[in-house]
Amino acid sequence: MNRFLPPEENDPSTKKKNKGVVCDVKNCMYNDKNSHCTAEKIAVGPTYATSCSDTVCATFRQRNI
């Protein structure tokens, strides 16, 4: 644990969960390890998408393991 950061920055379980947003991407830094998204904002694109398979989560950031 980094003692120079507030606890919410060190422990993803203390971050606010986005109710109704499910994230199955286990290696995303915003996944609280219980499939809840903790990102402050969520961006989904691209603008030309015409189906679910065309979309991507632009908020995704890979978790350092």
Protein backbone atom coordinates (compact mmCIF):
# COMPACT_ATOMS: atom_id res chain seq x y z
CA MET A 1 0.00 0.00 0.00
CA ASN A 2 1.26 3.46 -0.86
CA ARG A 3 1.06 5.51 2.34
CA PHE A 4 1.24 8.76 0.35
CA LEU A 5 -2.06 8.19 -1.47
CA PRO A 6 -5.50 8.35 0.13
CA PRO A 7 -6.96 4.89 0.89
CA GLU A 8 -9.49 5.10 -1.97
CA GLU A 9 -6.59 5.36 -4.43
CA ASN A 10 -4.96 2.23 -3.05
CA ASP A 11 -7.95 -0.07 -2.68
CA PRO A 12 -10.36 -0.51 -5.61
CA SER A 13 -13.02 -1.89 -3.26
CA THR A 14 -13.36 1.55 -1.62
CA LYS A 15 -14.01 3.34 -4.92
CA LYS A 16 -17.57 4.24 -5.82
CA LYS A 17 -19.27 1.64 -8.00
CA ASN A 18 -21.30 2.67 -11.03
CA LYS A 19 -24.65 1.06 -10.32
CA GLY A 20 -26.01 -0.78 -13.31
CA VAL A 21 -22.63 -0.95 -15.07
CA VAL A 22 -21.21 -4.47 -15.28
CA CYS A 23 -17.60 -5.02 -16.33
CA ASP A 24 -16.44 -8.54 -17.14
CA VAL A 25 -12.93 -7.41 -18.12
CA LYS A 26 -10.87 -8.84 -15.27
CA ASN A 27 -7.67 -6.96 -16.17
CA CYS A 28 -9.26 -3.49 -16.29
CA MET A 29 -8.06 -1.18 -13.54
CA TYR A 30 -11.64 0.04 -13.05
CA ASN A 31 -13.02 -3.45 -12.36
CA ASP A 32 -13.35 -3.85 -8.59
CA LYS A 33 -12.76 -7.62 -8.98
CA ASN A 34 -16.50 -8.21 -8.47
CA SER A 35 -17.49 -7.11 -12.00
CA HIS A 36 -18.43 -3.58 -10.89
CA CYS A 37 -17.03 -0.58 -12.74
CA THR A 38 -15.42 2.12 -10.59
CA ALA A 39 -14.49 4.58 -13.37
CA GLU A 40 -15.65 8.15 -12.75
CA LYS A 41 -16.84 8.38 -16.36
CA ILE A 42 -17.43 5.78 -19.04
CA ALA A 43 -16.80 6.35 -22.74
CA VAL A 44 -18.15 3.90 -25.31
CA GLY A 45 -17.60 4.24 -29.03
CA PRO A 46 -16.87 4.56 -31.85
CA THR A 47 -19.48 6.90 -33.27
CA TYR A 48 -20.00 4.77 -36.41
CA ALA A 49 -21.07 1.65 -34.46
CA THR A 50 -24.21 -0.02 -35.76
CA SER A 51 -24.25 -3.09 -33.51
CA CYS A 52 -23.03 -4.25 -30.11
CA SER A 53 -20.06 -6.03 -31.68
CA ASP A 54 -18.90 -2.70 -33.17
CA THR A 55 -18.54 -1.01 -29.78
CA VAL A 56 -15.59 -0.74 -27.41
CA CYS A 57 -15.08 0.73 -23.95
CA ALA A 58 -12.69 3.64 -24.47
CA THR A 59 -12.36 4.00 -20.68
CA PHE A 60 -10.52 0.66 -20.39
CA ARG A 61 -7.07 0.83 -18.82
CA GLN A 62 -5.08 -2.35 -18.27
CA ARG A 63 -4.37 -3.19 -14.64
CA ASN A 64 -0.70 -3.72 -13.77
CA ILE A 65 -0.32 -7.22 -12.44
